C-alpha atoms as a PDB file:
ATOM      1  CA  MET A   1       0.272  -0.053  -0.025  1.00  0.00           C
ATOM      2  CA  ALA A   2       1.549   3.215  -1.203  1.00  0.00           C
ATOM      3  CA  THR A   3      -0.181   5.355   1.184  1.00  0.00           C
ATOM      4  CA  LYS A   4      -0.538   5.100   5.099  1.00  0.00           C
ATOM      5  CA  PHE A   5      -4.487   6.056   5.737  1.00  0.00           C
ATOM      6  CA  VAL A   6      -3.696   7.306   9.419  1.00  0.00           C
ATOM      7  CA  PRO A   7      -5.789  10.837  10.127  1.00  0.00           C
ATOM      8  CA  VAL A   8      -3.038  13.312  11.431  1.00  0.00           C
ATOM      9  CA  ALA A   9      -4.682  12.510  15.250  1.00  0.00           C
ATOM     10  CA  PRO A  10      -7.123  10.062  16.280  1.00  0.00           C
ATOM     11  CA  PRO A  11     -10.848  12.132  15.980  1.00  0.00           C
ATOM     12  CA  GLN A  12     -11.771  13.916  18.784  1.00  0.00           C
ATOM     13  CA  ILE A  13     -15.482  13.695  19.765  1.00  0.00           C
ATOM     14  CA  ILE A  14     -17.801  17.046  21.115  1.00  0.00           C
ATOM     15  CA  GLU A  15     -21.032  17.661  22.000  1.00  0.00           C
ATOM     16  CA  GLY A  16     -23.217  20.454  21.281  1.00  0.00           C
ATOM     17  CA  VAL A  17     -21.476  22.261  18.418  1.00  0.00           C
ATOM     18  CA  TYR A  18     -24.581  24.037  16.903  1.00  0.00           C
ATOM     19  CA  SER A  19     -26.884  26.197  18.790  1.00  0.00           C
ATOM     20  CA  THR A  20     -30.387  25.063  18.792  1.00  0.00           C
ATOM     21  CA  ASP A  21     -31.052  27.849  16.643  1.00  0.00           C
ATOM     22  CA  GLN A  22     -28.242  26.914  13.767  1.00  0.00           C
ATOM     23  CA  HIS A  23     -29.936  23.617  14.145  1.00  0.00           C
ATOM     24  CA  ALA A  24     -33.559  25.106  13.699  1.00  0.00           C
ATOM     25  CA  ARG A  25     -32.016  27.213  10.462  1.00  0.00           C
ATOM     26  CA  LEU A  26     -30.248  24.633   9.153  1.00  0.00           C
ATOM     27  CA  LEU A  27     -32.984  21.861   9.050  1.00  0.00           C
ATOM     28  CA  LYS A  28     -35.762  24.387   7.694  1.00  0.00           C
ATOM     29  CA  LEU A  29     -32.957  25.079   4.650  1.00  0.00           C
ATOM     30  CA  VAL A  30     -32.702  21.589   3.835  1.00  0.00           C
ATOM     31  CA  ARG A  31     -36.695  20.648   4.193  1.00  0.00           C
ATOM     32  CA  ASP A  32     -37.243  24.316   1.790  1.00  0.00           C
ATOM     33  CA  LYS A  33     -34.789  23.880  -0.529  1.00  0.00           C
ATOM     34  CA  GLY A  34     -35.254  19.706  -1.619  1.00  0.00           C
ATOM     35  CA  PRO A  35     -35.685  17.685  -3.400  1.00  0.00           C
ATOM     36  CA  TRP A  36     -31.911  16.361  -2.824  1.00  0.00           C
ATOM     37  CA  GLU A  37     -30.128  14.437  -5.599  1.00  0.00           C
ATOM     38  CA  MET A  38     -28.334  10.633  -4.409  1.00  0.00           C
ATOM     39  CA  ILE A  39     -24.825  11.260  -3.435  1.00  0.00           C
ATOM     40  CA  LEU A  40     -24.067   8.787  -6.764  1.00  0.00           C
ATOM     41  CA  ALA A  41     -25.904  10.853  -8.948  1.00  0.00           C
ATOM     42  CA  GLN A  42     -23.907  14.152  -8.063  1.00  0.00           C
ATOM     43  CA  HIS A  43     -20.294  13.019  -7.945  1.00  0.00           C
ATOM     44  CA  PHE A  44     -20.329  10.206 -10.468  1.00  0.00           C
ATOM     45  CA  GLN A  45     -20.512   9.542 -14.227  1.00  0.00           C
ATOM     46  CA  SER A  46     -20.285   5.785 -14.120  1.00  0.00           C
ATOM     47  CA  PRO A  47     -19.892   2.519 -11.608  1.00  0.00           C
ATOM     48  CA  GLU A  48     -16.055   2.334 -12.365  1.00  0.00           C
ATOM     49  CA  GLU A  49     -15.561   5.956 -10.531  1.00  0.00           C
ATOM     50  CA  VAL A  50     -17.674   5.137  -7.921  1.00  0.00           C
ATOM     51  CA  LEU A  51     -15.386   1.858  -7.347  1.00  0.00           C
ATOM     52  CA  ALA A  52     -12.099   3.997  -7.548  1.00  0.00           C
ATOM     53  CA  THR A  53     -13.418   6.050  -5.034  1.00  0.00           C
ATOM     54  CA  THR A  54     -14.490   3.592  -2.136  1.00  0.00           C
ATOM     55  CA  SER A  55     -12.296   0.769  -1.157  1.00  0.00           C
ATOM     56  CA  GLY A  56     -11.628  -3.123  -3.198  1.00  0.00           C
ATOM     57  CA  THR A  57     -11.335  -4.299  -6.602  1.00  0.00           C
ATOM     58  CA  MET A  58     -13.075  -6.010  -9.006  1.00  0.00           C
ATOM     59  CA  PRO A  59     -11.593  -8.607 -11.466  1.00  0.00           C
ATOM     60  CA  GLU A  60     -10.449  -7.550 -14.658  1.00  0.00           C
ATOM     61  CA  GLY A  61     -13.241  -7.941 -17.419  1.00  0.00           C
ATOM     62  CA  PHE A  62     -15.675  -7.463 -14.646  1.00  0.00           C
ATOM     63  CA  THR A  63     -18.293  -4.842 -15.402  1.00  0.00           C
ATOM     64  CA  PRO A  64     -19.782  -3.095 -12.145  1.00  0.00           C
ATOM     65  CA  THR A  65     -22.740  -1.971 -11.989  1.00  0.00           C
ATOM     66  CA  TRP A  66     -24.662   1.422  -9.983  1.00  0.00           C
ATOM     67  CA  GLU A  67     -26.987  -1.142  -8.313  1.00  0.00           C
ATOM     68  CA  MET A  68     -23.616  -2.542  -6.502  1.00  0.00           C
ATOM     69  CA  PHE A  69     -23.251   0.579  -5.010  1.00  0.00           C
ATOM     70  CA  MET A  70     -27.078   2.157  -4.523  1.00  0.00           C
ATOM     71  CA  SER A  71     -27.898   3.614  -1.356  1.00  0.00           C
ATOM     72  CA  PRO A  72     -30.678   5.837  -0.121  1.00  0.00           C
ATOM     73  CA  VAL A  73     -28.639   8.843   1.011  1.00  0.00           C
ATOM     74  CA  PHE A  74     -28.277  11.868  -0.676  1.00  0.00           C
ATOM     75  CA  ARG A  75     -26.923  15.344  -0.069  1.00  0.00           C
ATOM     76  CA  GLY A  76     -26.761  19.145  -0.950  1.00  0.00           C
ATOM     77  CA  TYR A  77     -24.169  21.930  -0.444  1.00  0.00           C
ATOM     78  CA  LEU A  78     -24.302  24.556   1.645  1.00  0.00           C
ATOM     79  CA  ALA A  79     -20.792  26.293   1.322  1.00  0.00           C
ATOM     80  CA  LYS A  80     -18.229  25.906  -1.612  1.00  0.00           C
ATOM     81  CA  GLY A  81     -15.080  27.604  -2.715  1.00  0.00           C
ATOM     82  CA  ALA A  82     -15.034  29.151   0.794  1.00  0.00           C
ATOM     83  CA  THR A  83     -18.587  30.300   0.025  1.00  0.00           C
ATOM     84  CA  ALA A  84     -21.440  30.550   2.056  1.00  0.00           C
ATOM     85  CA  LEU A  85     -24.387  29.609  -0.885  1.00  0.00           C
ATOM     86  CA  TYR A  86     -27.191  30.733   1.660  1.00  0.00           C
ATOM     87  CA  PRO A  87     -26.850  33.693   3.624  1.00  0.00           C
ATOM     88  CA  GLU A  88     -29.265  32.451   6.647  1.00  0.00           C
ATOM     89  CA  ILE A  89     -26.689  30.332   7.687  1.00  0.00           C
ATOM     90  CA  GLU A  90     -23.553  32.388   7.172  1.00  0.00           C
ATOM     91  CA  ASP A  91     -22.838  32.558  11.029  1.00  0.00           C
ATOM     92  CA  CYS A  92     -22.885  28.289  10.767  1.00  0.00           C
ATOM     93  CA  PHE A  93     -20.109  28.385   7.840  1.00  0.00           C
ATOM     94  CA  TRP A  94     -17.936  31.240   9.377  1.00  0.00           C
ATOM     95  CA  ASN A  95     -17.573  29.575  12.235  1.00  0.00           C
ATOM     96  CA  SER A  96     -14.803  30.746  14.615  1.00  0.00           C
ATOM     97  CA  LYS A  97     -15.094  27.887  17.180  1.00  0.00           C
ATOM     98  CA  PHE A  98     -14.634  25.372  14.559  1.00  0.00           C
ATOM     99  CA  THR A  99     -11.985  27.404  13.021  1.00  0.00           C
ATOM    100  CA  ASP A 100     -10.025  26.858  16.592  1.00  0.00           C
ATOM    101  CA  LEU A 101     -10.997  23.588  17.086  1.00  0.00           C
ATOM    102  CA  VAL A 102      -9.705  22.305  13.411  1.00  0.00           C
ATOM    103  CA  ARG A 103      -6.064  24.585  14.067  1.00  0.00           C
ATOM    104  CA  ASN A 104      -5.846  22.817  17.168  1.00  0.00           C
ATOM    105  CA  TYR A 105      -6.535  19.682  16.246  1.00  0.00           C
ATOM    106  CA  TRP A 106      -3.655  20.088  13.691  1.00  0.00           C
ATOM    107  CA  GLY A 107      -1.140  22.359  15.521  1.00  0.00           C
ATOM    108  CA  ALA A 108      -1.194  25.206  12.341  1.00  0.00           C
ATOM    109  CA  GLU A 109      -0.748  28.557  12.332  1.00  0.00           C
ATOM    110  CA  TYR A 110      -4.044  28.813   9.626  1.00  0.00           C
ATOM    111  CA  ALA A 111      -7.299  27.762   8.918  1.00  0.00           C
ATOM    112  CA  ARG A 112      -9.928  28.491   6.404  1.00  0.00           C
ATOM    113  CA  PRO A 113     -13.385  27.203   6.132  1.00  0.00           C
ATOM    114  CA  GLU A 114     -13.919  26.076   2.312  1.00  0.00           C
ATOM    115  CA  ASN A 115     -17.156  23.760   2.182  1.00  0.00           C
ATOM    116  CA  MET A 116     -19.747  22.811   3.979  1.00  0.00           C
ATOM    117  CA  LEU A 117     -22.368  20.347   3.010  1.00  0.00           C
ATOM    118  CA  PHE A 118     -24.915  17.916   4.512  1.00  0.00           C
ATOM    119  CA  ASN A 119     -26.438  14.371   4.030  1.00  0.00           C
ATOM    120  CA  ILE A 120     -29.805  13.203   4.667  1.00  0.00           C
ATOM    121  CA  GLN A 121     -30.985   9.631   4.688  1.00  0.00           C
ATOM    122  CA  GLY A 122     -34.036   7.325   5.937  1.00  0.00           C
ATOM    123  CA  PRO A 123     -32.842   3.863   7.116  1.00  0.00           C
ATOM    124  CA  CYS A 124     -30.218   2.575   5.602  1.00  0.00           C
ATOM    125  CA  ARG A 125     -27.676  -0.833   5.250  1.00  0.00           C
ATOM    126  CA  GLY A 126     -24.428  -0.129   6.553  1.00  0.00           C
ATOM    127  CA  SER A 127     -21.451   0.010   3.907  1.00  0.00           C
ATOM    128  CA  GLU A 128     -19.301  -2.901   2.963  1.00  0.00           C
ATOM    129  CA  THR A 129     -17.083  -0.203   0.955  1.00  0.00           C
ATOM    130  CA  PRO A 130     -15.854   2.583   3.389  1.00  0.00           C
ATOM    131  CA  HIS A 131     -13.872   5.377   1.787  1.00  0.00           C
ATOM    132  CA  VAL A 132     -11.880   8.530   1.953  1.00  0.00           C
ATOM    133  CA  ASP A 133     -13.348  11.711   0.907  1.00  0.00           C
ATOM    134  CA  ALA A 134     -11.833  13.706  -1.795  1.00  0.00           C
ATOM    135  CA  THR A 135      -8.470  14.696  -1.113  1.00  0.00           C
ATOM    136  CA  ASN A 136      -7.761  17.940  -2.355  1.00  0.00           C
ATOM    137  CA  PHE A 137      -4.048  18.801  -4.121  1.00  0.00           C
ATOM    138  CA  ARG A 138      -2.833  22.237  -4.903  1.00  0.00           C
ATOM    139  CA  GLY A 139      -3.579  22.853  -8.537  1.00  0.00           C
ATOM    140  CA  VAL A 140      -6.205  19.511  -8.739  1.00  0.00           C
ATOM    141  CA  ASP A 141      -9.401  20.011  -6.142  1.00  0.00           C
ATOM    142  CA  SER A 142     -13.028  19.784  -5.967  1.00  0.00           C
ATOM    143  CA  LEU A 143     -13.776  22.719  -8.086  1.00  0.00           C
ATOM    144  CA  ASN A 144     -11.877  20.992 -11.314  1.00  0.00           C
ATOM    145  CA  ALA A 145     -11.355  17.648 -11.029  1.00  0.00           C
ATOM    146  CA  PRO A 146     -13.574  14.527 -10.178  1.00  0.00           C
ATOM    147  CA  VAL A 147     -13.554  12.780  -6.690  1.00  0.00           C
ATOM    148  CA  TRP A 148     -12.383   9.534  -8.313  1.00  0.00           C
ATOM    149  CA  LEU A 149      -9.339  11.269  -9.797  1.00  0.00           C
ATOM    150  CA  MET A 150      -8.236  13.180  -6.247  1.00  0.00           C
ATOM    151  CA  ASN A 151      -8.651   9.569  -4.275  1.00  0.00           C
ATOM    152  CA  MET A 152      -6.503   7.827  -6.596  1.00  0.00           C
ATOM    153  CA  MET A 153      -3.799  10.615  -6.539  1.00  0.00           C
ATOM    154  CA  VAL A 154      -3.932   9.929  -2.636  1.00  0.00           C
ATOM    155  CA  LYS A 155      -4.006   6.239  -3.000  1.00  0.00           C
ATOM    156  CA  SER A 156      -0.813   6.214  -5.355  1.00  0.00           C
ATOM    157  CA  GLY A 157       1.276   8.020  -2.691  1.00  0.00           C
ATOM    158  CA  LEU A 158       2.787   9.773  -6.146  1.00  0.00           C
ATOM    159  CA  PHE A 159       1.371  13.435  -5.025  1.00  0.00           C
ATOM    160  CA  ASP A 160       2.240  13.839  -1.359  1.00  0.00           C
ATOM    161  CA  ARG A 161       3.972  16.959  -2.142  1.00  0.00           C
ATOM    162  CA  TRP A 162       1.152  18.483  -3.828  1.00  0.00           C
ATOM    163  CA  ARG A 163      -1.597  16.772  -1.152  1.00  0.00           C
ATOM    164  CA  CYS A 164      -3.518  19.890   0.986  1.00  0.00           C
ATOM    165  CA  LYS A 165      -4.091  19.610   4.452  1.00  0.00           C
ATOM    166  CA  LYS A 166      -7.463  19.282   5.594  1.00  0.00           C
ATOM    167  CA  ALA A 167      -9.539  19.202   8.763  1.00  0.00           C
ATOM    168  CA  GLN A 168     -13.444  18.639   9.445  1.00  0.00           C
ATOM    169  CA  VAL A 169     -16.460  19.118  12.301  1.00  0.00           C
ATOM    170  CA  ILE A 170     -18.822  16.621  11.245  1.00  0.00           C
ATOM    171  CA  THR A 171     -21.849  16.511  12.984  1.00  0.00           C
ATOM    172  CA  TRP A 172     -24.876  13.595  13.532  1.00  0.00           C
ATOM    173  CA  TYR A 173     -28.549  14.387  14.222  1.00  0.00           C
ATOM    174  CA  TYR A 174     -30.748  11.099  14.673  1.00  0.00           C
ATOM    175  CA  ARG A 175     -32.627  10.057  16.915  1.00  0.00           C
ATOM    176  CA  GLY A 176     -33.682   6.687  15.779  1.00  0.00           C
ATOM    177  CA  GLN A 177     -33.173   3.298  18.329  1.00  0.00           C
ATOM    178  CA  VAL A 178     -31.073   1.541  15.592  1.00  0.00           C
ATOM    179  CA  GLY A 179     -27.715   2.180  14.538  1.00  0.00           C
ATOM    180  CA  GLY A 180     -26.920   5.153  13.207  1.00  0.00           C
ATOM    181  CA  GLY A 181     -23.629   5.613  14.379  1.00  0.00           C
ATOM    182  CA  PHE A 182     -19.976   5.858  12.554  1.00  0.00           C
ATOM    183  CA  ASN A 183     -17.143   3.487  11.609  1.00  0.00           C
ATOM    184  CA  TYR A 184     -13.504   4.026  10.988  1.00  0.00           C
ATOM    185  CA  TRP A 185     -10.286   2.734  10.760  1.00  0.00           C
ATOM    186  CA  PRO A 186      -8.008   5.597  12.521  1.00  0.00           C
ATOM    187  CA  ASN A 187      -5.402   3.244  12.189  1.00  0.00           C
ATOM    188  CA  GLY A 188      -5.325   2.600   8.087  1.00  0.00           C
ATOM    189  CA  PRO A 189      -8.033  -0.432   6.768  1.00  0.00           C
ATOM    190  CA  GLN A 190      -6.122  -3.481   7.776  1.00  0.00           C
ATOM    191  CA  ALA A 191      -6.074  -2.235  11.701  1.00  0.00           C
ATOM    192  CA  GLU A 192      -9.078  -2.719  14.061  1.00  0.00           C
ATOM    193  CA  PRO A 193     -11.701  -0.540  13.662  1.00  0.00           C
ATOM    194  CA  ALA A 194     -13.717   1.935  16.089  1.00  0.00           C
ATOM    195  CA  GLN A 195     -17.753   3.111  16.107  1.00  0.00           C
ATOM    196  CA  ILE A 196     -19.274   5.590  17.676  1.00  0.00           C
ATOM    197  CA  LYS A 197     -22.170   5.227  18.658  1.00  0.00           C
ATOM    198  CA  ALA A 198     -25.623   6.752  19.188  1.00  0.00           C
ATOM    199  CA  PRO A 199     -27.014   8.191  20.472  1.00  0.00           C
ATOM    200  CA  MET A 200     -26.021  10.914  17.605  1.00  0.00           C
ATOM    201  CA  TRP A 201     -28.422  14.310  18.412  1.00  0.00           C
ATOM    202  CA  GLY A 202     -25.565  17.365  18.181  1.00  0.00           C
ATOM    203  CA  ARG A 203     -22.603  14.768  18.386  1.00  0.00           C
ATOM    204  CA  ALA A 204     -19.725  15.871  16.715  1.00  0.00           C
ATOM    205  CA  VAL A 205     -16.044  14.817  15.506  1.00  0.00           C
ATOM    206  CA  VAL A 206     -13.380  17.041  14.581  1.00  0.00           C
ATOM    207  CA  VAL A 207     -11.310  14.945  12.158  1.00  0.00           C
ATOM    208  CA  GLU A 208      -8.809  14.612   8.924  1.00  0.00           C
ATOM    209  CA  ASN A 209     -11.534  12.543   6.884  1.00  0.00           C
ATOM    210  CA  GLU A 210      -9.027  12.522   3.839  1.00  0.00           C
ATOM    211  CA  MET A 211      -6.644   9.933   5.110  1.00  0.00           C
ATOM    212  CA  MET A 212      -9.156   7.759   7.830  1.00  0.00           C
ATOM    213  CA  TYR A 213     -11.448   5.184   6.013  1.00  0.00           C
ATOM    214  CA  HIS A 214     -14.539   5.449   7.605  1.00  0.00           C
ATOM    215  CA  THR A 215     -18.528   4.989   6.561  1.00  0.00           C
ATOM    216  CA  ALA A 216     -21.963   5.012   8.428  1.00  0.00           C
ATOM    217  CA  GLU A 217     -23.495   1.958  10.345  1.00  0.00           C
ATOM    218  CA  ALA A 218     -26.460   1.039   9.650  1.00  0.00           C
ATOM    219  CA  THR A 219     -29.327   3.058  10.349  1.00  0.00           C
ATOM    220  CA  GLY A 220     -33.347   2.196  11.191  1.00  0.00           C
ATOM    221  CA  PRO A 221     -35.622  -0.671  10.761  1.00  0.00           C
ATOM    222  CA  SER A 222     -33.859  -3.542   8.313  1.00  0.00           C
ATOM    223  CA  ALA A 223     -37.166  -3.614   6.744  1.00  0.00           C
ATOM    224  CA  MET A 224     -37.073  -0.213   5.571  1.00  0.00           C
ATOM    225  CA  ARG A 225     -32.994   0.405   4.576  1.00  0.00           C
ATOM    226  CA  TRP A 226     -33.971  -0.281   0.868  1.00  0.00           C
ATOM    227  CA  PRO A 227     -36.797   1.686  -1.068  1.00  0.00           C
ATOM    228  CA  ASP A 228     -38.984   0.013  -3.668  1.00  0.00           C
ATOM    229  CA  GLY A 229     -38.163   1.294  -6.450  1.00  0.00           C
ATOM    230  CA  LEU A 230     -35.205   2.923  -5.778  1.00  0.00           C
ATOM    231  CA  ASN A 231     -32.906   4.194  -8.621  1.00  0.00           C
ATOM    232  CA  ILE A 232     -30.194   7.014  -9.519  1.00  0.00           C
ATOM    233  CA  LYS A 233     -32.813   9.596 -10.553  1.00  0.00           C
ATOM    234  CA  SER A 234     -34.355   9.042  -6.668  1.00  0.00           C
ATOM    235  CA  ARG A 235     -34.379  12.498  -4.935  1.00  0.00           C
ATOM    236  CA  MET A 236     -35.520  12.786  -1.173  1.00  0.00           C
ATOM    237  CA  ARG A 237     -37.331  15.817   0.275  1.00  0.00           C
ATOM    238  CA  SER A 238     -39.517  16.877   3.128  1.00  0.00           C
ATOM    239  CA  ALA A 239     -43.271  15.618   3.589  1.00  0.00           C
ATOM    240  CA  PRO A 240     -45.466  17.920   2.160  1.00  0.00           C
ATOM    241  CA  ASP A 241     -48.245  17.580   5.511  1.00  0.00           C
ATOM    242  CA  SER A 242     -45.914  16.043   8.038  1.00  0.00           C
ATOM    243  CA  ASP A 243     -42.381  16.702   9.729  1.00  0.00           C
ATOM    244  CA  GLY A 244     -41.294  13.292   7.499  1.00  0.00           C
ATOM    245  CA  TRP A 245     -39.490  12.782   4.606  1.00  0.00           C
ATOM    246  CA  GLN A 246     -39.812  11.009   1.253  1.00  0.00           C
ATOM    247  CA  VAL A 247     -37.965   9.582  -1.095  1.00  0.00           C
ATOM    248  CA  VAL A 248     -39.255  10.020  -4.670  1.00  0.00           C
ATOM    249  CA  ASN A 249     -39.220   9.310  -8.038  1.00  0.00           C
ATOM    250  CA  GLY A 250     -40.441  12.422  -9.998  1.00  0.00           C
ATOM    251  CA  ASP A 251     -43.416  12.727  -8.841  1.00  0.00           C
ATOM    252  CA  THR A 252     -44.464   9.330  -7.182  1.00  0.00           C
ATOM    253  CA  VAL A 253     -43.813   8.441  -3.693  1.00  0.00           C
ATOM    254  CA  ILE A 254     -41.667   5.623  -2.887  1.00  0.00           C
ATOM    255  CA  GLN A 255     -41.096   5.448   0.488  1.00  0.00           C
ATOM    256  CA  ASP A 256     -42.221   7.688   3.949  1.00  0.00           C
ATOM    257  CA  ILE A 257     -39.773   8.280   6.529  1.00  0.00           C
ATOM    258  CA  PRO A 258     -40.744   9.102   9.965  1.00  0.00           C
ATOM    259  CA  ALA A 259     -39.238  12.163  11.378  1.00  0.00           C
ATOM    260  CA  GLU A 260     -37.995   9.587  14.234  1.00  0.00           C
ATOM    261  CA  GLU A 261     -35.824   7.924  11.662  1.00  0.00           C
ATOM    262  CA  PHE A 262     -34.446  10.662   9.824  1.00  0.00           C
ATOM    263  CA  ARG A 263     -30.222  11.005   9.831  1.00  0.00           C
ATOM    264  CA  LEU A 264     -29.056  14.449   8.818  1.00  0.00           C
ATOM    265  CA  LEU A 265     -25.075  14.687   8.994  1.00  0.00           C
ATOM    266  CA  LEU A 266     -23.493  18.199   8.597  1.00  0.00           C
ATOM    267  CA  HIS A 267     -19.921  18.120   7.261  1.00  0.00           C
ATOM    268  CA  TRP A 268     -18.190  21.441   8.022  1.00  0.00           C
ATOM    269  CA  GLY A 269     -14.441  21.216   6.024  1.00  0.00           C
ATOM    270  CA  ALA A 270     -11.683  23.784   6.367  1.00  0.00           C
ATOM    271  CA  ASP A 271      -8.056  24.292   4.593  1.00  0.00           C
ATOM    272  CA  ILE A 272      -5.029  24.001   7.108  1.00  0.00           C
ATOM    273  CA  TYR A 273      -1.890  25.721   6.674  1.00  0.00           C
ATOM    274  CA  MET A 274       0.650  25.199   9.289  1.00  0.00           C
ATOM    275  CA  ASP A 275       2.745  28.582   8.692  1.00  0.00           C
ATOM    276  CA  TYR A 276       2.902  31.722   6.455  1.00  0.00           C
ATOM    277  CA  ASN A 277       4.732  30.062   3.417  1.00  0.00           C
ATOM    278  CA  GLU A 278       2.373  27.363   3.440  1.00  0.00           C
ATOM    279  CA  LEU A 279      -0.229  29.696   2.695  1.00  0.00           C
ATOM    280  CA  LYS A 280       1.300  32.240   0.723  1.00  0.00           C
ATOM    281  CA  ARG A 281       2.672  28.780  -1.490  1.00  0.00           C
ATOM    282  CA  ALA A 282      -1.074  28.093  -2.017  1.00  0.00           C
ATOM    283  CA  LEU A 283      -2.423  31.603  -2.530  1.00  0.00           C
ATOM    284  CA  ASP A 284       0.378  32.583  -5.213  1.00  0.00           C
ATOM    285  CA  HIS A 285       0.002  29.175  -6.692  1.00  0.00           C
ATOM    286  CA  THR A 286       4.166  28.914  -7.615  1.00  0.00           C
ATOM    287  CA  ASP A 287       3.674  24.514  -6.981  1.00  0.00           C
ATOM    288  CA  ASP A 288       0.739  23.600  -8.462  1.00  0.00           C
ATOM    289  CA  ILE A 289       0.098  20.415 -10.365  1.00  0.00           C
ATOM    290  CA  SER A 290      -1.886  20.238 -13.238  1.00  0.00           C
ATOM    291  CA  LYS A 291      -4.450  16.914 -14.537  1.00  0.00           C
ATOM    292  CA  ASP A 292      -1.538  16.307 -17.472  1.00  0.00           C
ATOM    293  CA  GLN A 293       1.003  16.028 -15.061  1.00  0.00           C
ATOM    294  CA  VAL A 294      -0.886  13.869 -12.897  1.00  0.00           C
ATOM    295  CA  PHE A 295      -1.784  11.495 -15.638  1.00  0.00           C
ATOM    296  CA  ASP A 296       1.834  11.261 -17.393  1.00  0.00           C
ATOM    297  CA  THR A 297       2.809  10.611 -13.588  1.00  0.00           C
ATOM    298  CA  LEU A 298       0.673   7.506 -13.275  1.00  0.00           C
ATOM    299  CA  ILE A 299       0.839   6.430 -16.543  1.00  0.00           C
ATOM    300  CA  ALA A 300       4.669   6.579 -15.945  1.00  0.00           C
ATOM    301  CA  ASP A 301       4.498   4.742 -12.690  1.00  0.00           C
ATOM    302  CA  MET A 302       2.265   1.789 -13.892  1.00  0.00           C
ATOM    303  CA  ARG A 303       4.862   1.420 -17.016  1.00  0.00           C
ATOM    304  CA  ALA A 304       7.684   1.154 -14.112  1.00  0.00           C
ATOM    305  CA  ARG A 305       5.727  -1.668 -12.631  1.00  0.00           C
ATOM    306  CA  GLY A 306       5.503  -3.326 -15.764  1.00  0.00           C
ATOM    307  CA  LEU A 307       2.001  -2.819 -16.697  1.00  0.00           C
ATOM    308  CA  THR A 308       0.593  -2.913 -20.335  1.00  0.00           C
ATOM    309  CA  PHE A 309      -2.085  -0.732 -21.560  1.00  0.00           C
ATOM    310  CA  GLU A 310      -3.414   1.551 -24.309  1.00  0.00           C
ATOM    311  CA  VAL A 311      -3.108   4.876 -22.663  1.00  0.00           C
ATOM    312  CA  PRO A 312      -7.109   6.584 -23.140  1.00  0.00           C
ATOM    313  CA  THR A 313      -7.495   9.719 -25.084  1.00  0.00           C
ATOM    314  CA  ASP A 314      -9.967  10.677 -22.258  1.00  0.00           C
ATOM    315  CA  PRO A 315      -8.511   9.429 -19.182  1.00  0.00           C
ATOM    316  CA  LEU A 316     -10.629  10.995 -16.894  1.00  0.00           C
ATOM    317  CA  THR A 317     -13.706   9.187 -18.448  1.00  0.00           C
ATOM    318  CA  ASP A 318     -12.220   6.055 -20.009  1.00  0.00           C
ATOM    319  CA  GLN A 319     -13.699   2.969 -17.690  1.00  0.00           C
ATOM    320  CA  LYS A 320     -11.025   0.581 -18.408  1.00  0.00           C
ATOM    321  CA  PHE A 321      -8.325   3.288 -17.903  1.00  0.00           C
ATOM    322  CA  ILE A 322     -10.216   3.775 -14.188  1.00  0.00           C
ATOM    323  CA  ALA A 323     -10.557   0.277 -13.590  1.00  0.00           C
ATOM    324  CA  LEU A 324      -6.590  -0.584 -14.281  1.00  0.00           C
ATOM    325  CA  LEU A 325      -5.756   2.674 -11.599  1.00  0.00           C
ATOM    326  CA  THR A 326      -8.195   0.866  -8.911  1.00  0.00           C
ATOM    327  CA  ARG A 327      -6.395  -2.384  -9.582  1.00  0.00           C
ATOM    328  CA  THR A 328      -2.949  -0.965  -9.257  1.00  0.00           C
ATOM    329  CA  TYR A 329      -3.474   1.490  -6.807  1.00  0.00           C
ATOM    330  CA  ASP A 330      -6.071   0.549  -3.859  1.00  0.00           C
ATOM    331  CA  PRO A 331      -4.786  -0.928  -0.825  1.00  0.00           C
ATOM    332  CA  GLY A 332      -8.595  -3.154  -0.219  1.00  0.00           C
ATOM    333  CA  LYS A 333     -11.019  -3.103   1.810  1.00  0.00           C
ATOM    334  CA  PRO A 334     -10.423  -3.429   5.752  1.00  0.00           C
ATOM    335  CA  ALA A 335     -10.038  -7.017   7.271  1.00  0.00           C
ATOM    336  CA  ILE A 336     -12.358  -6.311  10.573  1.00  0.00           C
ATOM    337  CA  PHE A 337     -15.597  -4.807  10.415  1.00  0.00           C
ATOM    338  CA  PRO A 338     -17.322  -3.648  13.273  1.00  0.00           C
ATOM    339  CA  PRO A 339     -20.600  -5.550  14.486  1.00  0.00           C
ATOM    340  CA  GLU A 340     -23.638  -4.603  12.824  1.00  0.00           C
ATOM    341  CA  PRO A 341     -26.697  -3.180  14.795  1.00  0.00           C
ATOM    342  CA  GLU A 342     -28.604  -5.278  16.694  1.00  0.00           C
ATOM    343  CA  GLU A 343     -31.334  -5.654  14.673  1.00  0.00           C
ATOM    344  CA  ALA A 344     -29.400  -6.352  11.747  1.00  0.00           C
ATOM    345  CA  LEU A 345     -27.852  -9.383  13.064  1.00  0.00           C
ATOM    346  CA  ALA A 346     -31.901 -11.016  13.613  1.00  0.00           C
ATOM    347  CA  ALA A 347     -32.961  -9.766  10.493  1.00  0.00           C
END
């Protein structure tokens, strides 16, 4: 494995990170601005890209399908490119408490809020393919490159010189009685996992999720974890006549979710700079890498390994090439998984 996937420090658990008023405003925005698309639909153009982003590989010649990775988890953005997208939650994004937390987590001089998003879901099975979050690099980041490419860059270990330092404050709101926690591998994917268990109402972690494999624990009653008719175009919205939620295909409701089974994850992320020189190098773009350099480096490295392959005309979307990169650089699935919630074991 080229990269040792261990965060700069263990996750730090904190409680009550948002005020009651902030949570209410955030939740209102999620209810009012929906419906929201599935995570898969927003970030990936093919199942090969999903596989490159998660963990594990497929035998050469096997064609993965969307259904292998489908999960009723939906996403929206609250801030991008250090810009709050909704003025009513600017205080949640420009959050001095969070900035202090991540600066201290790294022992750094500077931190800059960079993005904020949310995941929403009802009951959902746990993922068998944990992942690391998209890792930004100077010159290649979430504003100009697909998630799969950034994750392949960090897995290869060939681009550490350009890798950006990041940290997150990740917060959960979930009142359900089954699962809903956070599974993670703080000492690498082949080591023992850890769990943060429910109750998850306002509980948060300060963490470096780009360098730590993680996934959600199975959530909610097992019989409700797969809406009938779920597909890549399904969306999630607030129920019009209650405080519950709905998964829909167009105007057709395929699942009603009671409020107590609704799980909200708030993901606040910041750029970290250890000192002024590191900050200046990033702002001046004096040491950026281009996507062409990335592919030239990956191709040269695979050839040095003795691999024979045809260089694609469009490596950003060529599914065969993406699958080759995954087989070459992915460290594999975690060796040990935490126990599933009790109901899952009995189902």
